[in-house]
Protein backbone atom coordinates (compact mmCIF):
# COMPACT_ATOMS: atom_id res chain seq x y z
CA UNK A 1 -26.36 35.90 44.07
CA UNK A 2 -26.22 32.58 45.80
CA UNK A 3 -29.60 31.53 44.40
CA UNK A 4 -28.31 31.91 40.81
CA UNK A 5 -25.23 29.73 41.30
CA UNK A 6 -27.13 26.72 42.70
CA UNK A 7 -29.42 26.32 39.64
CA UNK A 8 -26.45 26.94 37.37
CA UNK A 9 -24.49 24.17 39.14
CA UNK A 10 -27.48 21.83 38.93
CA UNK A 11 -27.94 22.52 35.21
CA UNK A 12 -24.23 22.04 34.60
CA UNK A 13 -24.20 18.75 36.55
CA UNK A 14 -27.27 17.48 34.68
CA UNK A 15 -25.68 18.40 31.37
CA UNK A 16 -22.41 16.64 32.32
CA UNK A 17 -24.28 13.47 33.34
CA UNK A 18 -26.32 13.54 30.12
CA UNK A 19 -23.26 14.00 27.94
CA UNK A 20 -21.38 11.26 29.79
CA UNK A 21 -24.05 8.81 28.75
CA UNK A 22 -23.98 9.82 25.09
CA UNK A 23 -22.70 7.21 22.74
CA UNK A 24 -20.96 9.81 20.57
CA UNK A 25 -18.65 10.82 23.39
CA UNK A 26 -17.80 7.23 24.28
CA UNK A 27 -17.24 6.17 20.69
CA UNK A 28 -13.63 6.10 19.54
CA UNK A 29 -14.70 7.08 16.02
CA UNK A 30 -15.23 10.77 16.67
CA UNK A 31 -15.78 13.37 19.34
CA UNK A 32 -19.07 15.28 19.08
CA UNK A 33 -19.17 14.40 15.39
CA UNK A 34 -16.38 16.85 14.60
CA UNK A 35 -12.97 15.52 15.59
CA UNK A 36 -11.80 12.10 14.44
CA UNK A 37 -8.81 10.81 16.40
CA UNK A 38 -5.81 9.46 14.52
CA UNK A 39 -5.49 5.70 14.55
CA UNK A 40 -2.19 4.04 13.90
CA UNK A 41 -2.15 1.88 10.80
CA UNK A 42 -1.04 -1.60 11.77
CA UNK A 43 0.21 -3.93 9.03
CA UNK A 44 1.77 -7.23 10.03
CA UNK A 45 2.90 -10.24 8.09
CA UNK A 46 2.99 -11.20 4.43
CA UNK A 47 0.33 -10.42 1.87
CA UNK A 48 -0.33 -13.58 -0.14
CA UNK A 49 -2.50 -12.94 -3.18
CA UNK A 50 -4.39 -15.36 -5.40
CA UNK A 51 -1.75 -15.00 -8.13
CA UNK A 52 1.05 -15.93 -5.73
CA UNK A 53 -0.82 -18.93 -4.32
CA UNK A 54 -1.60 -20.15 -7.86
CA UNK A 55 2.10 -19.93 -8.79
CA UNK A 56 3.11 -22.27 -5.94
CA UNK A 57 2.90 -25.91 -7.06
CA UNK A 58 3.54 -29.16 -5.18
CA UNK A 59 7.06 -30.46 -5.81
CA UNK A 60 8.75 -27.04 -5.60
CA UNK A 61 11.66 -26.70 -3.21
CA UNK A 62 11.77 -24.32 -0.23
CA UNK A 63 13.82 -21.69 -2.05
CA UNK A 64 11.32 -21.53 -4.93
CA UNK A 65 8.41 -21.15 -2.51
CA UNK A 66 10.28 -18.43 -0.60
CA UNK A 67 10.96 -16.60 -3.89
CA UNK A 68 7.24 -16.52 -4.69
CA UNK A 69 5.64 -16.00 -1.27
CA UNK A 70 8.47 -14.33 0.63
CA UNK A 71 9.86 -15.37 3.98
CA UNK A 72 7.26 -16.95 6.26
CA UNK A 73 6.09 -14.99 9.29
CA UNK A 74 6.24 -18.08 11.49
CA UNK A 75 8.62 -21.01 11.40
CA UNK A 76 8.54 -23.41 14.30
CA UNK A 77 11.52 -25.44 15.47
CA UNK A 78 9.15 -28.28 16.41
CA UNK A 79 7.32 -28.20 13.05
CA UNK A 80 10.12 -27.65 10.54
CA UNK A 81 7.95 -28.80 7.63
CA UNK A 82 5.32 -26.09 8.24
CA UNK A 83 5.49 -22.43 7.24
CA UNK A 84 2.79 -19.98 8.32
CA UNK A 85 2.07 -16.82 6.37
CA UNK A 86 -0.18 -14.62 8.51
CA UNK A 87 -1.34 -11.19 7.40
CA UNK A 88 -3.32 -8.61 9.38
CA UNK A 89 -4.10 -5.00 8.61
CA UNK A 90 -6.03 -2.34 10.50
CA UNK A 91 -6.36 0.86 8.55
CA UNK A 92 -8.55 3.85 9.29
CA UNK A 93 -11.40 4.00 6.81
CA UNK A 94 -11.05 0.34 5.74
CA UNK A 95 -12.30 -2.92 7.21
CA UNK A 96 -9.71 -4.86 9.23
CA UNK A 97 -8.40 -7.96 7.48
CA UNK A 98 -6.76 -11.18 8.66
CA UNK A 99 -5.59 -14.05 6.49
CA UNK A 100 -3.61 -17.18 7.21
CA UNK A 101 -1.85 -19.40 4.65
CA UNK A 102 -0.16 -22.64 5.72
CA UNK A 103 2.51 -24.26 3.55
CA UNK A 104 3.51 -27.87 4.30
CA UNK A 105 6.69 -29.58 3.12
CA UNK A 106 7.93 -33.14 3.02
CA UNK A 107 11.65 -32.75 3.47
CA UNK A 108 12.72 -30.08 0.99
CA UNK A 109 9.74 -30.33 -1.41
CA UNK A 110 6.35 -28.67 -1.15
CA UNK A 111 3.55 -31.03 -0.18
CA UNK A 112 0.54 -28.67 -0.01
CA UNK A 113 -0.66 -25.12 0.50
CA UNK A 114 -3.76 -24.29 2.55
CA UNK A 115 -5.08 -20.79 1.86
CA UNK A 116 -7.88 -20.99 4.42
CA UNK A 117 -10.41 -19.87 1.83
CA UNK A 118 -10.44 -17.64 -1.21
CA UNK A 119 -7.59 -15.15 -1.45
CA UNK A 120 -8.07 -11.80 -3.15
CA UNK A 121 -6.37 -10.98 -6.43
CA UNK A 122 -3.75 -8.25 -6.20
CA UNK A 123 -6.06 -5.58 -7.62
CA UNK A 124 -8.87 -6.63 -5.26
CA UNK A 125 -6.53 -6.42 -2.29
CA UNK A 126 -5.32 -2.94 -3.24
CA UNK A 127 -8.93 -1.80 -3.75
CA UNK A 128 -9.90 -3.17 -0.33
CA UNK A 129 -7.28 -1.11 1.51
CA UNK A 130 -7.56 2.02 -0.66
CA UNK A 131 -9.19 4.64 1.54
CA UNK A 132 -9.10 7.49 -1.00
CA UNK A 133 -12.58 8.68 -1.83
CA UNK A 134 -11.68 10.05 -5.25
CA UNK A 135 -11.82 8.18 -8.54
CA UNK A 136 -8.35 6.76 -9.09
CA UNK A 137 -8.60 5.73 -12.74
CA UNK A 138 -5.19 6.47 -14.16
CA UNK A 139 -4.87 7.25 -17.86
CA UNK A 140 -3.11 4.62 -19.99
CA UNK A 141 0.64 5.04 -20.27
CA UNK A 142 0.90 3.95 -23.91
CA UNK A 143 -0.58 5.45 -27.06
CA UNK A 144 -2.49 3.33 -29.50
CA UNK A 145 -1.74 3.36 -33.25
CA UNK A 146 -4.38 5.99 -34.05
CA UNK A 147 -3.09 8.37 -31.34
CA UNK A 148 0.48 8.02 -32.63
CA UNK A 149 -0.62 8.95 -36.16
CA UNK A 150 -2.46 12.02 -34.79
CA UNK A 151 0.75 13.44 -33.27
CA UNK A 152 2.39 16.33 -35.16
CA UNK A 153 5.51 15.51 -37.17
CA UNK A 154 8.59 16.91 -35.41
CA UNK A 155 10.57 19.52 -37.32
CA UNK A 156 14.09 18.78 -38.49
CA UNK A 157 16.64 19.82 -35.90
CA UNK A 158 20.32 20.17 -36.58
CA UNK A 159 22.57 17.80 -34.73
CA UNK A 160 24.47 19.41 -31.84
CA UNK A 161 27.82 18.83 -33.59
CA UNK A 162 26.72 20.66 -36.75
CA UNK A 163 25.27 23.55 -34.76
CA UNK A 164 28.46 23.86 -32.66
CA UNK A 165 30.77 23.88 -35.69
CA UNK A 166 28.76 26.61 -37.43
CA UNK A 167 28.99 28.98 -34.46
CA UNK A 168 32.56 28.28 -33.28
CA UNK A 169 34.41 31.59 -32.77
CA UNK A 170 37.97 31.91 -34.04
CA UNK A 171 40.65 31.06 -31.51
CA UNK A 172 42.32 34.18 -30.04
CA UNK A 173 44.76 32.48 -27.62
CA UNK A 174 47.57 29.96 -28.00
CA UNK A 175 46.90 26.28 -27.34
CA UNK A 176 47.59 25.00 -23.81
CA UNK A 177 49.54 21.98 -24.99
CA UNK A 178 52.50 22.05 -27.29
CA UNK A 179 52.37 19.72 -30.23
């Protein structure tokens, strides 16, 4: 009996050492190709899109810039004329993203905006973080002229007042209020 347990222990130890060196076990993406651990979605900062950056023009005041871009993520007491808009996102199934936009003021008016490169349009941004694998083409919400003409003509319906007066039963009790 003892001779069977020693080879079994050696085989088990060899298997454990082999599996410990496997990349699949050490990877945080999945465990043995079956189980994918949950990763917390981390979104920080302000999303600044191309449309928003294009709407901000030199000469605007701070309130106008805040209305378009939102409140800045960073304002520094030592650099009161600089607002930093930083955005980071880590989402399972999508590439991590980091963007930084710097807005500079002279007093109360906007001097310049530095986007740090090309910003995505709103639709591009949504597509970049969309992790659904299905086709998400939504049907249009409005009918065109030809579709409206193809609809059946609704039948005439009596107004609720006319229908109520035709079916009103005769009163069999005295009125509650005296006249």
